[in-house]
């Protein structure tokens, strides 16, 4: 099966995405409101944290997957701890991504649903016809598309050249830290496989996945602005504020309630962030090394089910590292 879409997905990048920082375009009152909302989220600030329990120290680094020159400062700050670490734990090691994706490409069944209504039944008729036409560019027939898992193609229908959560294998912070580990002979391991990640994300209710896909297809909102806002908020150690602002602007051009957008965002976050965090924790807690670094996407750090709060609940003392 010719799955060029599957072959290119991990290489998607937003390094050349240019937009305006929405944090600078909103009023001071609104900015204060978002800051107050962010402050109520556990561990809402910071890129690097130290977790201590007994004689074990875990440094948690929130990464940005796409390339950016500002990574140099974060790498320098993290290297102070990484060069003396006993282990680096990443979402998925860079060297493992391609072979695992290739295995999924060989077995296309991993991305198809075998039961329940097809996409043609779940989607609005005009949007289904539009999607069928678009996906033919990836050599995907309407019959194949009818059984695909919607989350898999959502990123391909965003209107614009930017993906706020793009992954670039070689220029992202994850890859840079992995190279630092290699140069200092620090062992590395992945917290999950591509298949485990896929299985968790695919567990989101199908109708929520389809609704998210439909909204992305229709919206003409400036994805570049949202991407730039998230990126700048990340480097300002204020990612949660950036995420809240992005959600506030998301789908503003469509006739959809903010309550519905919030519901879909919570559903999305549960499966792409929270459930994966819970899956990772036993693997982190099982390690007996004294000095560990955990480097995962920054959105995995904050919140009730964020990595930091889950460590706190297990008796670790958390301290944000000054940068």
Protein backbone atom coordinates (compact mmCIF):
# COMPACT_ATOMS: atom_id res chain seq x y z
CA UNK A 1 0.00 0.00 0.00
CA UNK A 2 1.50 3.30 -1.09
CA UNK A 3 1.43 5.33 2.11
CA UNK A 4 3.44 8.44 1.29
CA UNK A 5 1.49 10.27 4.00
CA UNK A 6 2.74 7.85 6.63
CA UNK A 7 6.27 8.13 5.31
CA UNK A 8 6.36 11.93 5.60
CA UNK A 9 4.41 12.55 8.79
CA UNK A 10 7.30 12.31 11.30
CA UNK A 11 9.32 14.82 9.27
CA UNK A 12 6.68 17.55 9.41
CA UNK A 13 8.31 20.78 10.59
CA UNK A 14 7.33 24.34 11.42
CA UNK A 15 10.83 25.79 11.50
CA UNK A 16 9.97 28.25 8.73
CA UNK A 17 6.61 29.22 10.15
CA UNK A 18 6.29 32.98 10.58
CA UNK A 19 3.44 34.70 12.36
CA UNK A 20 2.69 37.25 15.05
CA UNK A 21 2.77 36.63 18.79
CA UNK A 22 -0.85 36.85 19.91
CA UNK A 23 0.28 37.65 23.44
CA UNK A 24 1.34 41.08 22.17
CA UNK A 25 -1.92 41.79 20.32
CA UNK A 26 -4.37 41.29 23.18
CA UNK A 27 -5.27 43.88 25.81
CA UNK A 28 -3.46 44.12 29.13
CA UNK A 29 -6.67 43.07 30.87
CA UNK A 30 -6.98 39.93 28.74
CA UNK A 31 -3.29 39.16 29.18
CA UNK A 32 -3.73 39.42 32.95
CA UNK A 33 -6.74 37.10 32.74
CA UNK A 34 -4.76 34.45 30.87
CA UNK A 35 -1.87 34.80 33.33
CA UNK A 36 -4.27 34.24 36.24
CA UNK A 37 -5.75 31.17 34.56
CA UNK A 38 -2.28 29.79 33.89
CA UNK A 39 -1.26 30.34 37.51
CA UNK A 40 -4.02 27.96 38.63
CA UNK A 41 -2.50 25.13 36.60
CA UNK A 42 0.00 23.01 38.59
CA UNK A 43 3.59 23.66 37.52
CA UNK A 44 2.55 26.10 34.80
CA UNK A 45 5.96 27.74 34.36
CA UNK A 46 9.47 26.56 33.63
CA UNK A 47 11.31 24.45 31.06
CA UNK A 48 13.75 22.64 33.39
CA UNK A 49 12.77 21.18 36.77
CA UNK A 50 14.59 19.14 39.39
CA UNK A 51 12.77 16.30 41.17
CA UNK A 52 14.42 14.81 44.26
CA UNK A 53 13.51 11.77 46.32
CA UNK A 54 16.05 10.18 48.62
CA UNK A 55 19.36 10.01 46.79
CA UNK A 56 17.78 10.07 43.32
CA UNK A 57 17.63 13.26 41.22
CA UNK A 58 15.52 13.51 38.06
CA UNK A 59 15.90 16.57 35.85
CA UNK A 60 12.79 17.04 33.72
CA UNK A 61 13.24 19.10 30.56
CA UNK A 62 10.27 20.32 28.55
CA UNK A 63 11.27 20.16 24.90
CA UNK A 64 10.15 21.87 21.70
CA UNK A 65 10.16 19.38 18.85
CA UNK A 66 10.78 21.77 15.93
CA UNK A 67 14.03 23.55 15.11
CA UNK A 68 14.78 26.98 16.58
CA UNK A 69 18.06 28.80 17.17
CA UNK A 70 16.99 29.63 20.71
CA UNK A 71 17.42 25.97 21.59
CA UNK A 72 21.11 26.67 22.12
CA UNK A 73 20.43 28.34 25.46
CA UNK A 74 18.14 25.53 26.65
CA UNK A 75 20.69 22.91 25.54
CA UNK A 76 23.45 24.73 27.43
CA UNK A 77 21.33 24.89 30.58
CA UNK A 78 20.30 21.23 30.33
CA UNK A 79 23.82 20.03 29.49
CA UNK A 80 25.03 21.09 32.94
CA UNK A 81 22.98 18.18 34.29
CA UNK A 82 22.92 15.84 31.31
CA UNK A 83 26.70 15.43 30.98
CA UNK A 84 26.81 13.84 34.45
CA UNK A 85 23.55 11.87 34.14
CA UNK A 86 23.31 8.10 34.30
CA UNK A 87 20.40 7.96 31.83
CA UNK A 88 18.46 10.13 29.37
CA UNK A 89 14.81 9.19 28.86
CA UNK A 90 13.06 10.58 25.76
CA UNK A 91 9.55 10.14 24.38
CA UNK A 92 11.04 8.06 21.56
CA UNK A 93 14.72 7.91 20.66
CA UNK A 94 15.44 9.52 17.31
CA UNK A 95 17.17 6.38 16.07
CA UNK A 96 14.03 4.35 16.81
CA UNK A 97 11.48 6.58 15.07
CA UNK A 98 12.12 5.66 11.45
CA UNK A 99 12.29 1.86 11.92
CA UNK A 100 9.11 1.92 13.99
CA UNK A 101 7.26 4.07 11.47
CA UNK A 102 8.48 1.78 8.70
CA UNK A 103 7.05 -1.18 10.59
CA UNK A 104 3.69 0.60 10.82
CA UNK A 105 3.84 1.40 7.11
CA UNK A 106 4.35 -2.30 6.39
CA UNK A 107 1.30 -3.11 8.50
CA UNK A 108 -1.19 -0.42 7.48
CA UNK A 109 -3.86 -2.09 9.61
CA UNK A 110 -2.52 -0.21 12.63
CA UNK A 111 -4.03 2.99 11.25
CA UNK A 112 -7.39 1.62 10.15
CA UNK A 113 -10.57 0.96 12.14
CA UNK A 114 -12.14 -2.44 11.72
CA UNK A 115 -15.54 -1.66 13.26
CA UNK A 116 -18.03 1.16 13.69
CA UNK A 117 -19.34 3.67 11.13
CA UNK A 118 -17.02 4.80 8.37
CA UNK A 119 -15.73 8.35 7.90
CA UNK A 120 -18.21 8.86 5.08
CA UNK A 121 -21.03 8.30 7.58
CA UNK A 122 -19.51 10.34 10.40
CA UNK A 123 -18.51 13.42 8.41
CA UNK A 124 -20.58 16.16 6.83
CA UNK A 125 -21.09 15.19 3.19
CA UNK A 126 -19.33 18.20 1.61
CA UNK A 127 -16.36 17.86 3.95
CA UNK A 128 -16.08 14.15 3.25
CA UNK A 129 -15.99 14.85 -0.49
CA UNK A 130 -13.34 17.53 0.02
CA UNK A 131 -11.25 15.24 2.22
CA UNK A 132 -11.49 12.38 -0.29
CA UNK A 133 -10.12 14.65 -2.99
CA UNK A 134 -7.26 15.91 -0.79
CA UNK A 135 -6.17 12.46 0.32
CA UNK A 136 -5.89 11.20 -3.24
CA UNK A 137 -2.75 13.35 -3.36
CA UNK A 138 -1.32 10.85 -0.85
CA UNK A 139 -2.42 7.87 -2.95
CA UNK A 140 -5.20 7.10 -0.50
CA UNK A 141 -8.43 5.88 -2.03
CA UNK A 142 -11.87 6.85 -0.61
CA UNK A 143 -12.27 3.22 0.48
CA UNK A 144 -9.07 3.36 2.53
CA UNK A 145 -9.91 6.82 3.86
CA UNK A 146 -13.32 5.62 5.01
CA UNK A 147 -11.64 3.35 7.60
CA UNK A 148 -8.68 5.57 8.60
CA UNK A 149 -8.29 6.83 12.16
CA UNK A 150 -9.17 10.56 11.94
CA UNK A 151 -6.42 11.77 14.28
CA UNK A 152 -3.83 10.52 11.82
CA UNK A 153 -4.76 12.94 9.06
CA UNK A 154 -5.86 15.96 11.12
CA UNK A 155 -2.47 17.62 10.74
CA UNK A 156 -2.66 17.26 6.96
CA UNK A 157 -5.83 19.34 6.59
CA UNK A 158 -4.82 22.41 8.62
CA UNK A 159 -5.12 25.48 6.43
CA UNK A 160 -1.64 26.95 6.36
CA UNK A 161 2.00 25.95 6.27
CA UNK A 162 2.47 25.67 10.03
CA UNK A 163 1.91 22.93 12.55
CA UNK A 164 2.08 24.16 16.17
CA UNK A 165 3.24 20.74 17.37
CA UNK A 166 5.54 19.76 14.50
CA UNK A 167 8.32 17.25 15.02
CA UNK A 168 11.66 17.75 13.33
CA UNK A 169 14.00 14.82 13.94
CA UNK A 170 17.34 16.58 13.68
CA UNK A 171 16.81 20.19 14.77
CA UNK A 172 14.35 19.85 17.63
CA UNK A 173 15.49 20.07 21.24
CA UNK A 174 14.94 16.33 21.77
CA UNK A 175 17.43 15.46 19.04
CA UNK A 176 19.97 17.99 20.30
CA UNK A 177 19.86 16.55 23.81
CA UNK A 178 20.19 13.05 22.42
CA UNK A 179 23.38 14.12 20.64
CA UNK A 180 24.72 15.66 23.84
CA UNK A 181 24.05 12.38 25.62
CA UNK A 182 25.89 10.45 22.91
CA UNK A 183 28.92 12.72 23.08
CA UNK A 184 29.05 12.26 26.86
CA UNK A 185 28.38 8.51 26.68
CA UNK A 186 25.11 8.81 28.59
CA UNK A 187 22.76 5.87 27.84
CA UNK A 188 19.37 6.72 26.32
CA UNK A 189 16.00 5.00 26.24
CA UNK A 190 12.50 5.72 24.99
CA UNK A 191 9.47 6.06 27.22
CA UNK A 192 7.22 4.55 24.58
CA UNK A 193 7.19 3.08 21.09
CA UNK A 194 5.48 4.64 18.08
CA UNK A 195 2.87 1.88 18.28
CA UNK A 196 2.18 2.55 21.98
CA UNK A 197 1.79 6.23 21.25
CA UNK A 198 -0.55 5.50 18.34
CA UNK A 199 -2.67 3.15 20.41
CA UNK A 200 -3.12 5.72 23.18
CA UNK A 201 -3.98 8.61 20.87
CA UNK A 202 -6.37 6.45 18.83
CA UNK A 203 -8.37 5.67 21.98
CA UNK A 204 -9.99 9.12 21.84
CA UNK A 205 -13.71 8.78 21.03
CA UNK A 206 -14.11 8.61 17.27
CA UNK A 207 -16.75 11.33 17.07
CA UNK A 208 -14.46 13.76 18.88
CA UNK A 209 -11.68 12.94 16.44
CA UNK A 210 -13.98 13.54 13.48
CA UNK A 211 -15.31 16.80 14.90
CA UNK A 212 -11.76 18.07 15.43
CA UNK A 213 -10.90 17.08 11.86
CA UNK A 214 -13.92 18.89 10.44
CA UNK A 215 -13.15 22.11 12.32
CA UNK A 216 -9.54 22.05 11.15
CA UNK A 217 -10.71 21.62 7.58
CA UNK A 218 -13.02 24.63 7.76
CA UNK A 219 -11.01 27.09 9.81
CA UNK A 220 -9.00 29.82 8.09
CA UNK A 221 -7.54 31.03 11.38
CA UNK A 222 -3.90 32.07 11.28
CA UNK A 223 -2.09 28.88 12.28
CA UNK A 224 1.19 30.77 11.88
CA UNK A 225 0.15 33.18 14.64
CA UNK A 226 -0.78 30.33 16.99
CA UNK A 227 2.49 28.52 16.26
CA UNK A 228 4.54 31.65 16.87
CA UNK A 229 2.65 32.36 20.09
CA UNK A 230 3.31 28.86 21.43
CA UNK A 231 6.95 28.96 20.41
CA UNK A 232 7.62 32.33 22.06
CA UNK A 233 5.66 31.37 25.18
CA UNK A 234 7.78 28.23 25.45
CA UNK A 235 11.05 30.17 25.39
CA UNK A 236 9.58 32.62 27.91
CA UNK A 237 8.95 29.68 30.31
CA UNK A 238 5.22 30.41 30.01
CA UNK A 239 3.88 27.66 27.76
CA UNK A 240 0.57 27.26 29.62
CA UNK A 241 -0.27 30.92 29.03
CA UNK A 242 0.48 30.40 25.34
CA UNK A 243 -1.73 27.31 25.20
CA UNK A 244 -4.63 29.17 26.81
CA UNK A 245 -4.31 32.04 24.36
CA UNK A 246 -4.13 29.63 21.42
CA UNK A 247 -7.30 27.89 22.57
CA UNK A 248 -9.05 31.26 22.88
CA UNK A 249 -8.24 32.13 19.26
CA UNK A 250 -8.77 28.63 17.84
CA UNK A 251 -11.73 28.32 15.44
CA UNK A 252 -12.86 31.90 16.17
CA UNK A 253 -13.80 32.21 12.51
CA UNK A 254 -16.33 29.36 12.75
CA UNK A 255 -19.83 29.14 14.16
CA UNK A 256 -18.85 26.92 17.08
CA UNK A 257 -19.26 27.67 20.77
CA UNK A 258 -16.24 28.21 22.99
CA UNK A 259 -17.69 25.54 25.28
CA UNK A 260 -17.52 23.02 22.43
CA UNK A 261 -13.96 24.05 21.54
CA UNK A 262 -12.93 23.65 25.19
CA UNK A 263 -14.59 20.23 25.35
CA UNK A 264 -12.76 19.03 22.27
CA UNK A 265 -9.46 20.46 23.51
CA UNK A 266 -9.84 18.63 26.84
CA UNK A 267 -10.58 15.39 24.98
CA UNK A 268 -7.58 15.92 22.72
CA UNK A 269 -5.28 16.70 25.65
CA UNK A 270 -6.45 13.67 27.61
CA UNK A 271 -5.25 11.20 25.00
CA UNK A 272 -2.25 12.96 23.48
CA UNK A 273 -0.88 14.18 26.84
CA UNK A 274 -2.46 12.86 30.06
CA UNK A 275 -2.85 9.18 29.17
CA UNK A 276 0.63 9.00 27.72
CA UNK A 277 2.05 10.67 30.85
CA UNK A 278 0.38 8.01 32.99
CA UNK A 279 1.84 5.29 30.76
CA UNK A 280 5.33 6.75 31.12
CA UNK A 281 5.36 7.05 34.90
CA UNK A 282 5.91 3.35 35.76
CA UNK A 283 8.90 3.32 33.42
CA UNK A 284 10.37 6.43 35.03
CA UNK A 285 9.75 5.20 38.58
CA UNK A 286 11.24 1.79 37.81
CA UNK A 287 14.67 3.28 37.10
CA UNK A 288 17.21 2.95 39.90
CA UNK A 289 19.85 5.27 38.45
CA UNK A 290 20.75 8.15 40.76
CA UNK A 291 20.88 10.88 38.10
CA UNK A 292 18.28 10.79 35.37
CA UNK A 293 17.12 13.30 32.77
CA UNK A 294 13.61 13.03 31.32
CA UNK A 295 13.19 15.12 28.16
CA UNK A 296 9.65 15.23 26.74
CA UNK A 297 7.46 17.78 24.97
CA UNK A 298 6.90 20.79 27.23
CA UNK A 299 3.11 20.36 27.16
CA UNK A 300 3.61 17.08 29.07
CA UNK A 301 5.02 18.90 32.12
CA UNK A 302 2.19 21.06 33.59
CA UNK A 303 -1.29 20.19 34.79
CA UNK A 304 -2.94 17.75 37.16
CA UNK A 305 -1.75 14.80 35.10
CA UNK A 306 1.46 16.42 33.95
CA UNK A 307 4.76 14.65 34.56
CA UNK A 308 5.75 17.12 37.28
CA UNK A 309 2.58 16.74 39.32
CA UNK A 310 2.66 12.96 38.92
CA UNK A 311 6.21 12.94 40.31
CA UNK A 312 5.12 15.23 43.14
CA UNK A 313 2.34 12.78 44.05
CA UNK A 314 4.95 10.01 44.24
CA UNK A 315 6.89 11.90 46.90
CA UNK A 316 9.40 13.83 44.81
CA UNK A 317 10.31 17.38 45.81
CA UNK A 318 10.10 19.65 42.76
CA UNK A 319 12.22 22.75 42.20
CA UNK A 320 12.26 24.88 39.05
CA UNK A 321 15.79 25.40 37.72
CA UNK A 322 16.64 29.09 37.27
CA UNK A 323 17.74 29.92 33.75
